[in-house]
């Protein structure tokens, strides 16, 4: 194999597409939460941000979760089980942070 790098990026691109496809299969509520999470993380997506720390602080992750949940509470009219939703949002938040930490400048997901 004379030029192995194009194949490497092709495999990584497949991983990115696979992840995006699986995220499209999220339930309706999870997609709604994911949009709010993406909006919050877009504001924190800069070099030196806490989401790119080698070991993100657990309290900061909890605080980000509370910010997302507070934004969700503003849009919800009916009573919800906010403890359950908070835990679910924290899992989605950690997954989104992981994805953003492993995407390089070319938009390719790196593991």
Protein backbone atom coordinates (compact mmCIF):
# COMPACT_ATOMS: atom_id res chain seq x y z
CA UNK A 1 0.00 0.00 0.00
CA UNK A 2 1.77 3.10 -1.23
CA UNK A 3 -0.61 5.79 0.10
CA UNK A 4 -2.20 4.64 3.38
CA UNK A 5 -3.42 8.04 4.64
CA UNK A 6 -6.43 8.50 2.29
CA UNK A 7 -7.79 5.14 3.45
CA UNK A 8 -7.33 6.19 7.07
CA UNK A 9 -9.41 9.33 6.56
CA UNK A 10 -12.00 7.38 4.61
CA UNK A 11 -12.42 5.01 7.57
CA UNK A 12 -12.66 7.94 10.00
CA UNK A 13 -15.26 9.62 7.79
CA UNK A 14 -17.28 6.40 7.94
CA UNK A 15 -17.17 6.54 11.74
CA UNK A 16 -18.46 10.13 11.70
CA UNK A 17 -21.31 9.28 9.33
CA UNK A 18 -22.18 6.22 11.41
CA UNK A 19 -22.36 8.29 14.60
CA UNK A 20 -24.51 10.94 12.93
CA UNK A 21 -26.83 8.27 11.56
CA UNK A 22 -27.27 6.69 14.98
CA UNK A 23 -27.97 10.10 16.52
CA UNK A 24 -30.74 10.59 13.95
CA UNK A 25 -32.38 7.48 15.41
CA UNK A 26 -32.71 9.08 18.86
CA UNK A 27 -36.27 9.31 20.21
CA UNK A 28 -38.08 12.63 19.69
CA UNK A 29 -37.39 13.94 23.20
CA UNK A 30 -33.72 12.98 23.01
CA UNK A 31 -33.39 14.92 19.74
CA UNK A 32 -34.94 17.94 21.43
CA UNK A 33 -32.50 17.67 24.33
CA UNK A 34 -29.61 17.15 21.90
CA UNK A 35 -30.39 20.42 20.11
CA UNK A 36 -30.31 22.37 23.39
CA UNK A 37 -27.09 20.61 24.42
CA UNK A 38 -25.48 21.45 21.07
CA UNK A 39 -26.49 25.10 21.50
CA UNK A 40 -24.93 25.30 24.97
CA UNK A 41 -21.74 23.56 23.82
CA UNK A 42 -21.49 25.78 20.73
CA UNK A 43 -21.01 28.71 23.10
CA UNK A 44 -18.22 26.79 24.87
CA UNK A 45 -16.51 25.46 21.75
CA UNK A 46 -13.30 27.49 21.70
CA UNK A 47 -9.66 26.70 22.34
CA UNK A 48 -8.95 26.56 26.06
CA UNK A 49 -12.56 25.77 26.95
CA UNK A 50 -13.25 23.50 29.90
CA UNK A 51 -14.75 20.90 27.57
CA UNK A 52 -11.25 20.36 26.16
CA UNK A 53 -9.54 19.98 29.54
CA UNK A 54 -7.66 16.71 29.91
CA UNK A 55 -9.85 15.86 32.92
CA UNK A 56 -13.03 17.95 32.89
CA UNK A 57 -14.24 18.85 36.35
CA UNK A 58 -17.29 16.88 37.50
CA UNK A 59 -18.82 19.99 39.03
CA UNK A 60 -18.53 21.87 35.74
CA UNK A 61 -20.24 19.01 33.90
CA UNK A 62 -22.99 19.10 36.52
CA UNK A 63 -23.28 22.88 36.07
CA UNK A 64 -23.56 22.53 32.28
CA UNK A 65 -26.26 19.91 32.85
CA UNK A 66 -28.18 22.37 35.03
CA UNK A 67 -27.89 25.07 32.35
CA UNK A 68 -29.36 22.72 29.75
CA UNK A 69 -32.14 21.57 32.09
CA UNK A 70 -33.03 25.18 32.94
CA UNK A 71 -33.33 25.97 29.22
CA UNK A 72 -35.55 22.91 28.78
CA UNK A 73 -37.74 23.96 31.72
CA UNK A 74 -38.43 27.28 30.02
CA UNK A 75 -39.87 25.51 26.98
CA UNK A 76 -41.85 22.79 28.79
CA UNK A 77 -45.41 23.49 29.89
CA UNK A 78 -46.34 20.26 31.60
CA UNK A 79 -44.91 18.64 34.69
CA UNK A 80 -41.97 16.37 34.03
CA UNK A 81 -39.78 14.01 36.04
CA UNK A 82 -36.88 16.46 36.08
CA UNK A 83 -34.59 14.15 38.06
CA UNK A 84 -34.81 11.52 35.33
CA UNK A 85 -34.45 14.12 32.59
CA UNK A 86 -31.41 15.64 34.34
CA UNK A 87 -29.64 12.28 34.41
CA UNK A 88 -30.49 11.66 30.76
CA UNK A 89 -29.27 15.13 29.76
CA UNK A 90 -26.00 14.54 31.60
CA UNK A 91 -25.40 11.33 29.63
CA UNK A 92 -26.15 13.09 26.32
CA UNK A 93 -23.93 16.01 27.35
CA UNK A 94 -20.98 13.74 28.10
CA UNK A 95 -21.43 11.98 24.74
CA UNK A 96 -21.53 15.30 22.88
CA UNK A 97 -18.43 16.56 24.71
CA UNK A 98 -16.64 13.32 23.83
CA UNK A 99 -17.57 13.75 20.17
CA UNK A 100 -16.37 17.37 20.09
CA UNK A 101 -13.11 16.50 21.82
CA UNK A 102 -12.30 13.90 19.18
CA UNK A 103 -13.17 15.80 16.02
CA UNK A 104 -10.11 17.32 14.37
CA UNK A 105 -9.89 20.49 12.29
CA UNK A 106 -11.06 18.66 9.15
CA UNK A 107 -14.29 17.58 10.84
CA UNK A 108 -13.13 13.98 11.04
CA UNK A 109 -13.84 12.03 14.23
CA UNK A 110 -10.56 10.74 15.68
CA UNK A 111 -10.36 7.95 18.26
